[in-house]
Amino acid sequence: IQIKDVSEGIATGLFSAFFATGIVVQP
């Protein structure tokens, strides 16, 4: 939000995508 100048909604979506990828990565 502060440095990359994205909206709160997009930042939340990217944060969720980060963990969504972990669903594949961890097993």
PDB file of all heavy atoms in Angstrom:
ATOM      1  N   ILE A   1       0.826  -1.203   0.000  1.00  0.00           N
ATOM      2  CA  ILE A   1       0.000   0.000   0.000  1.00  0.00           C
ATOM      3  C   ILE A   1       0.868   1.264   0.000  1.00  0.00           C
ATOM      4  O   ILE A   1       0.652   2.188  -0.781  1.00  0.00           O
ATOM      5  CB  ILE A   1      -0.946  -0.005   1.217  1.00  0.00           C
ATOM      6  CG1 ILE A   1      -1.982  -1.140   1.078  1.00  0.00           C
ATOM      7  CG2 ILE A   1      -1.662   1.341   1.368  1.00  0.00           C
ATOM      8  CD1 ILE A   1      -2.754  -1.427   2.353  1.00  0.00           C
ATOM      9  N   GLN A   2       1.878   1.292   0.877  1.00  0.00           N
ATOM     10  CA  GLN A   2       2.674   2.509   1.049  1.00  0.00           C
ATOM     11  C   GLN A   2       3.749   2.695  -0.015  1.00  0.00           C
ATOM     12  O   GLN A   2       3.973   3.809  -0.490  1.00  0.00           O
ATOM     13  CB  GLN A   2       3.339   2.508   2.428  1.00  0.00           C
ATOM     14  CG  GLN A   2       2.408   2.837   3.563  1.00  0.00           C
ATOM     15  CD  GLN A   2       3.154   3.281   4.809  1.00  0.00           C
ATOM     16  OE1 GLN A   2       2.618   3.250   5.906  1.00  0.00           O
ATOM     17  NE2 GLN A   2       4.386   3.705   4.665  1.00  0.00           N
ATOM     18  N   ILE A   3       4.427   1.606  -0.394  1.00  0.00           N
ATOM     19  CA  ILE A   3       5.579   1.731  -1.290  1.00  0.00           C
ATOM     20  C   ILE A   3       5.203   1.421  -2.731  1.00  0.00           C
ATOM     21  O   ILE A   3       5.646   2.105  -3.662  1.00  0.00           O
ATOM     22  CB  ILE A   3       6.728   0.815  -0.834  1.00  0.00           C
ATOM     23  CG1 ILE A   3       7.087   1.114   0.624  1.00  0.00           C
ATOM     24  CG2 ILE A   3       7.939   0.970  -1.733  1.00  0.00           C
ATOM     25  CD1 ILE A   3       7.536   2.532   0.885  1.00  0.00           C
ATOM     26  N   LYS A   4       4.398   0.391  -2.946  1.00  0.00           N
ATOM     27  CA  LYS A   4       4.019   0.014  -4.315  1.00  0.00           C
ATOM     28  C   LYS A   4       2.752   0.704  -4.789  1.00  0.00           C
ATOM     29  O   LYS A   4       2.331   0.522  -5.941  1.00  0.00           O
ATOM     30  CB  LYS A   4       3.854  -1.508  -4.406  1.00  0.00           C
ATOM     31  CG  LYS A   4       5.131  -2.296  -4.073  1.00  0.00           C
ATOM     32  CD  LYS A   4       6.278  -1.952  -4.999  1.00  0.00           C
ATOM     33  CE  LYS A   4       7.503  -2.801  -4.705  1.00  0.00           C
ATOM     34  NZ  LYS A   4       8.645  -2.452  -5.587  1.00  0.00           N
ATOM     35  N   ASP A   5       2.119   1.463  -3.889  1.00  0.00           N
ATOM     36  CA  ASP A   5       0.970   2.303  -4.243  1.00  0.00           C
ATOM     37  C   ASP A   5      -0.199   1.499  -4.816  1.00  0.00           C
ATOM     38  O   ASP A   5      -0.818   1.896  -5.803  1.00  0.00           O
ATOM     39  CB  ASP A   5       1.395   3.388  -5.238  1.00  0.00           C
ATOM     40  CG  ASP A   5       0.397   4.535  -5.301  1.00  0.00           C
ATOM     41  OD1 ASP A   5      -0.262   4.791  -4.282  1.00  0.00           O
ATOM     42  OD2 ASP A   5       0.281   5.167  -6.372  1.00  0.00           O
ATOM     43  N   VAL A   6      -0.499   0.349  -4.187  1.00  0.00           N
ATOM     44  CA  VAL A   6      -1.677  -0.424  -4.578  1.00  0.00           C
ATOM     45  C   VAL A   6      -2.789  -0.164  -3.568  1.00  0.00           C
ATOM     46  O   VAL A   6      -2.540   0.296  -2.443  1.00  0.00           O
ATOM     47  CB  VAL A   6      -1.367  -1.934  -4.666  1.00  0.00           C
ATOM     48  CG1 VAL A   6      -0.211  -2.191  -5.604  1.00  0.00           C
ATOM     49  CG2 VAL A   6      -1.074  -2.516  -3.292  1.00  0.00           C
ATOM     50  N   SER A   7      -4.010  -0.464  -3.939  1.00  0.00           N
ATOM     51  CA  SER A   7      -5.138  -0.242  -3.048  1.00  0.00           C
ATOM     52  C   SER A   7      -5.162  -1.286  -1.936  1.00  0.00           C
ATOM     53  O   SER A   7      -4.512  -2.334  -2.028  1.00  0.00           O
ATOM     54  CB  SER A   7      -6.450  -0.304  -3.834  1.00  0.00           C
ATOM     55  OG  SER A   7      -6.689  -1.629  -4.292  1.00  0.00           O
ATOM     56  N   GLU A   8      -5.927  -1.007  -0.891  1.00  0.00           N
ATOM     57  CA  GLU A   8      -6.045  -1.959   0.212  1.00  0.00           C
ATOM     58  C   GLU A   8      -6.634  -3.282  -0.260  1.00  0.00           C
ATOM     59  O   GLU A   8      -6.225  -4.353   0.173  1.00  0.00           O
ATOM     60  CB  GLU A   8      -6.895  -1.356   1.335  1.00  0.00           C
ATOM     61  CG  GLU A   8      -6.213  -0.211   2.058  1.00  0.00           C
ATOM     62  CD  GLU A   8      -7.101   0.430   3.104  1.00  0.00           C
ATOM     63  OE1 GLU A   8      -8.311   0.110   3.139  1.00  0.00           O
ATOM     64  OE2 GLU A   8      -6.592   1.256   3.900  1.00  0.00           O
ATOM     65  N   GLY A   9      -7.603  -3.203  -1.178  1.00  0.00           N
ATOM     66  CA  GLY A   9      -8.217  -4.430  -1.684  1.00  0.00           C
ATOM     67  C   GLY A   9      -7.235  -5.295  -2.459  1.00  0.00           C
ATOM     68  O   GLY A   9      -7.195  -6.518  -2.278  1.00  0.00           O
ATOM     69  N   ILE A  10      -6.433  -4.661  -3.327  1.00  0.00           N
ATOM     70  CA  ILE A  10      -5.448  -5.421  -4.102  1.00  0.00           C
ATOM     71  C   ILE A  10      -4.369  -5.974  -3.183  1.00  0.00           C
ATOM     72  O   ILE A  10      -3.914  -7.113  -3.351  1.00  0.00           O
ATOM     73  CB  ILE A  10      -4.840  -4.540  -5.206  1.00  0.00           C
ATOM     74  CG1 ILE A  10      -5.905  -4.222  -6.265  1.00  0.00           C
ATOM     75  CG2 ILE A  10      -3.642  -5.228  -5.851  1.00  0.00           C
ATOM     76  CD1 ILE A  10      -5.431  -3.275  -7.346  1.00  0.00           C
ATOM     77  N   ALA A  11      -3.945  -5.182  -2.191  1.00  0.00           N
ATOM     78  CA  ALA A  11      -2.933  -5.657  -1.245  1.00  0.00           C
ATOM     79  C   ALA A  11      -3.428  -6.886  -0.496  1.00  0.00           C
ATOM     80  O   ALA A  11      -2.690  -7.861  -0.303  1.00  0.00           O
ATOM     81  CB  ALA A  11      -2.576  -4.544  -0.267  1.00  0.00           C
ATOM     82  N   THR A  12      -4.696  -6.865  -0.075  1.00  0.00           N
ATOM     83  CA  THR A  12      -5.275  -8.023   0.600  1.00  0.00           C
ATOM     84  C   THR A  12      -5.327  -9.226  -0.327  1.00  0.00           C
ATOM     85  O   THR A  12      -5.024 -10.354   0.079  1.00  0.00           O
ATOM     86  CB  THR A  12      -6.696  -7.687   1.100  1.00  0.00           C
ATOM     87  OG1 THR A  12      -6.617  -6.604   2.032  1.00  0.00           O
ATOM     88  CG2 THR A  12      -7.335  -8.894   1.773  1.00  0.00           C
ATOM     89  N   GLY A  13      -5.703  -8.993  -1.592  1.00  0.00           N
ATOM     90  CA  GLY A  13      -5.751 -10.085  -2.561  1.00  0.00           C
ATOM     91  C   GLY A  13      -4.384 -10.697  -2.817  1.00  0.00           C
ATOM     92  O   GLY A  13      -4.251 -11.924  -2.889  1.00  0.00           O
ATOM     93  N   LEU A  14      -3.353  -9.865  -2.920  1.00  0.00           N
ATOM     94  CA  LEU A  14      -1.994 -10.375  -3.126  1.00  0.00           C
ATOM     95  C   LEU A  14      -1.504 -11.144  -1.895  1.00  0.00           C
ATOM     96  O   LEU A  14      -0.816 -12.160  -2.027  1.00  0.00           O
ATOM     97  CB  LEU A  14      -1.043  -9.221  -3.443  1.00  0.00           C
ATOM     98  CG  LEU A  14      -1.199  -8.600  -4.837  1.00  0.00           C
ATOM     99  CD1 LEU A  14      -0.416  -7.293  -4.931  1.00  0.00           C
ATOM    100  CD2 LEU A  14      -0.730  -9.578  -5.909  1.00  0.00           C
ATOM    101  N   PHE A  15      -1.858 -10.649  -0.724  1.00  0.00           N
ATOM    102  CA  PHE A  15      -1.484 -11.348   0.510  1.00  0.00           C
ATOM    103  C   PHE A  15      -2.143 -12.726   0.559  1.00  0.00           C
ATOM    104  O   PHE A  15      -1.515 -13.719   0.930  1.00  0.00           O
ATOM    105  CB  PHE A  15      -1.910 -10.503   1.706  1.00  0.00           C
ATOM    106  CG  PHE A  15      -1.297 -10.923   3.019  1.00  0.00           C
ATOM    107  CD1 PHE A  15       0.071 -10.987   3.187  1.00  0.00           C
ATOM    108  CD2 PHE A  15      -2.109 -11.223   4.113  1.00  0.00           C
ATOM    109  CE1 PHE A  15       0.637 -11.351   4.403  1.00  0.00           C
ATOM    110  CE2 PHE A  15      -1.571 -11.582   5.328  1.00  0.00           C
ATOM    111  CZ  PHE A  15      -0.187 -11.642   5.475  1.00  0.00           C
ATOM    112  N   SER A  16      -3.400 -12.801   0.160  1.00  0.00           N
ATOM    113  CA  SER A  16      -4.095 -14.084   0.104  1.00  0.00           C
ATOM    114  C   SER A  16      -3.489 -14.991  -0.962  1.00  0.00           C
ATOM    115  O   SER A  16      -3.361 -16.201  -0.760  1.00  0.00           O
ATOM    116  CB  SER A  16      -5.582 -13.868  -0.169  1.00  0.00           C
ATOM    117  OG  SER A  16      -6.214 -13.232   0.916  1.00  0.00           O
ATOM    118  N   ALA A  17      -3.096 -14.412  -2.105  1.00  0.00           N
ATOM    119  CA  ALA A  17      -2.463 -15.206  -3.162  1.00  0.00           C
ATOM    120  C   ALA A  17      -1.141 -15.790  -2.686  1.00  0.00           C
ATOM    121  O   ALA A  17      -0.776 -16.920  -3.040  1.00  0.00           O
ATOM    122  CB  ALA A  17      -2.239 -14.342  -4.402  1.00  0.00           C
ATOM    123  N   PHE A  18      -0.411 -15.033  -1.885  1.00  0.00           N
ATOM    124  CA  PHE A  18       0.839 -15.504  -1.288  1.00  0.00           C
ATOM    125  C   PHE A  18       0.597 -16.808  -0.520  1.00  0.00           C
ATOM    126  O   PHE A  18       1.312 -17.802  -0.686  1.00  0.00           O
ATOM    127  CB  PHE A  18       1.385 -14.409  -0.371  1.00  0.00           C
ATOM    128  CG  PHE A  18       2.526 -14.828   0.513  1.00  0.00           C
ATOM    129  CD1 PHE A  18       3.812 -14.920   0.013  1.00  0.00           C
ATOM    130  CD2 PHE A  18       2.316 -15.096   1.858  1.00  0.00           C
ATOM    131  CE1 PHE A  18       4.878 -15.277   0.833  1.00  0.00           C
ATOM    132  CE2 PHE A  18       3.362 -15.454   2.684  1.00  0.00           C
ATOM    133  CZ  PHE A  18       4.640 -15.547   2.165  1.00  0.00           C
ATOM    134  N   PHE A  19      -0.429 -16.827   0.312  1.00  0.00           N
ATOM    135  CA  PHE A  19      -0.718 -18.018   1.102  1.00  0.00           C
ATOM    136  C   PHE A  19      -1.398 -19.102   0.273  1.00  0.00           C
ATOM    137  O   PHE A  19      -1.228 -20.294   0.543  1.00  0.00           O
ATOM    138  CB  PHE A  19      -1.575 -17.652   2.313  1.00  0.00           C
ATOM    139  CG  PHE A  19      -0.829 -16.875   3.356  1.00  0.00           C
ATOM    140  CD1 PHE A  19      -1.106 -15.536   3.584  1.00  0.00           C
ATOM    141  CD2 PHE A  19       0.174 -17.473   4.099  1.00  0.00           C
ATOM    142  CE1 PHE A  19      -0.404 -14.814   4.534  1.00  0.00           C
ATOM    143  CE2 PHE A  19       0.883 -16.756   5.051  1.00  0.00           C
ATOM    144  CZ  PHE A  19       0.592 -15.428   5.277  1.00  0.00           C
ATOM    145  N   ALA A  20      -2.172 -18.696  -0.730  1.00  0.00           N
ATOM    146  CA  ALA A  20      -2.807 -19.692  -1.599  1.00  0.00           C
ATOM    147  C   ALA A  20      -1.757 -20.542  -2.293  1.00  0.00           C
ATOM    148  O   ALA A  20      -1.906 -21.768  -2.430  1.00  0.00           O
ATOM    149  CB  ALA A  20      -3.707 -19.001  -2.618  1.00  0.00           C
ATOM    150  N   THR A  21      -0.675 -19.912  -2.737  1.00  0.00           N
ATOM    151  CA  THR A  21       0.410 -20.662  -3.364  1.00  0.00           C
ATOM    152  C   THR A  21       1.032 -21.633  -2.374  1.00  0.00           C
ATOM    153  O   THR A  21       1.476 -22.722  -2.741  1.00  0.00           O
ATOM    154  CB  THR A  21       1.476 -19.703  -3.908  1.00  0.00           C
ATOM    155  OG1 THR A  21       0.840 -18.703  -4.724  1.00  0.00           O
ATOM    156  CG2 THR A  21       2.503 -20.437  -4.742  1.00  0.00           C
ATOM    157  N   GLY A  22       1.033 -21.241  -1.095  1.00  0.00           N
ATOM    158  CA  GLY A  22       1.570 -22.129  -0.065  1.00  0.00           C
ATOM    159  C   GLY A  22       0.801 -23.428   0.079  1.00  0.00           C
ATOM    160  O   GLY A  22       1.350 -24.430   0.555  1.00  0.00           O
ATOM    161  N   ILE A  23      -0.461 -23.443  -0.332  1.00  0.00           N
ATOM    162  CA  ILE A  23      -1.245 -24.677  -0.283  1.00  0.00           C
ATOM    163  C   ILE A  23      -0.607 -25.746  -1.172  1.00  0.00           C
ATOM    164  O   ILE A  23      -0.668 -26.938  -0.884  1.00  0.00           O
ATOM    165  CB  ILE A  23      -2.704 -24.401  -0.717  1.00  0.00           C
ATOM    166  CG1 ILE A  23      -3.368 -23.417   0.254  1.00  0.00           C
ATOM    167  CG2 ILE A  23      -3.512 -25.691  -0.777  1.00  0.00           C
ATOM    168  CD1 ILE A  23      -4.737 -22.946  -0.198  1.00  0.00           C
ATOM    169  N   VAL A  24       0.015 -25.304  -2.260  1.00  0.00           N
ATOM    170  CA  VAL A  24       0.731 -26.217  -3.149  1.00  0.00           C
ATOM    171  C   VAL A  24       2.154 -26.454  -2.653  1.00  0.00           C
ATOM    172  O   VAL A  24       2.663 -27.578  -2.658  1.00  0.00           O
ATOM    173  CB  VAL A  24       0.756 -25.659  -4.588  1.00  0.00           C
ATOM    174  CG1 VAL A  24       1.557 -26.571  -5.506  1.00  0.00           C
ATOM    175  CG2 VAL A  24      -0.666 -25.484  -5.117  1.00  0.00           C
ATOM    176  N   VAL A  25       2.791 -25.385  -2.200  1.00  0.00           N
ATOM    177  CA  VAL A  25       4.199 -25.449  -1.823  1.00  0.00           C
ATOM    178  C   VAL A  25       4.435 -26.386  -0.639  1.00  0.00           C
ATOM    179  O   VAL A  25       5.358 -27.217  -0.658  1.00  0.00           O
ATOM    180  CB  VAL A  25       4.728 -24.036  -1.485  1.00  0.00           C
ATOM    181  CG1 VAL A  25       6.105 -24.106  -0.825  1.00  0.00           C
ATOM    182  CG2 VAL A  25       4.798 -23.183  -2.745  1.00  0.00           C
ATOM    183  N   GLN A  26       3.614 -26.309   0.397  1.00  0.00           N
ATOM    184  CA  GLN A  26       3.926 -27.034   1.628  1.00  0.00           C
ATOM    185  C   GLN A  26       3.812 -28.556   1.517  1.00  0.00           C
ATOM    186  O   GLN A  26       4.715 -29.263   1.986  1.00  0.00           O
ATOM    187  CB  GLN A  26       3.080 -26.499   2.779  1.00  0.00           C
ATOM    188  CG  GLN A  26       3.545 -25.099   3.178  1.00  0.00           C
ATOM    189  CD  GLN A  26       2.906 -24.590   4.432  1.00  0.00           C
ATOM    190  OE1 GLN A  26       1.730 -24.823   4.675  1.00  0.00           O
ATOM    191  NE2 GLN A  26       3.662 -23.852   5.233  1.00  0.00           N
ATOM    192  N   PRO A  27       2.750 -29.110   0.922  1.00  0.00           N
ATOM    193  CA  PRO A  27       2.773 -30.566   0.736  1.00  0.00           C
ATOM    194  C   PRO A  27       3.935 -31.022  -0.138  1.00  0.00           C
ATOM    195  O   PRO A  27       4.517 -32.087   0.087  1.00  0.00           O
ATOM    196  CB  PRO A  27       1.425 -30.868   0.063  1.00  0.00           C
ATOM    197  CG  PRO A  27       0.549 -29.735   0.441  1.00  0.00           C
ATOM    198  CD  PRO A  27       1.461 -28.536   0.494  1.00  0.00           C
TER     199      PRO A  27
END
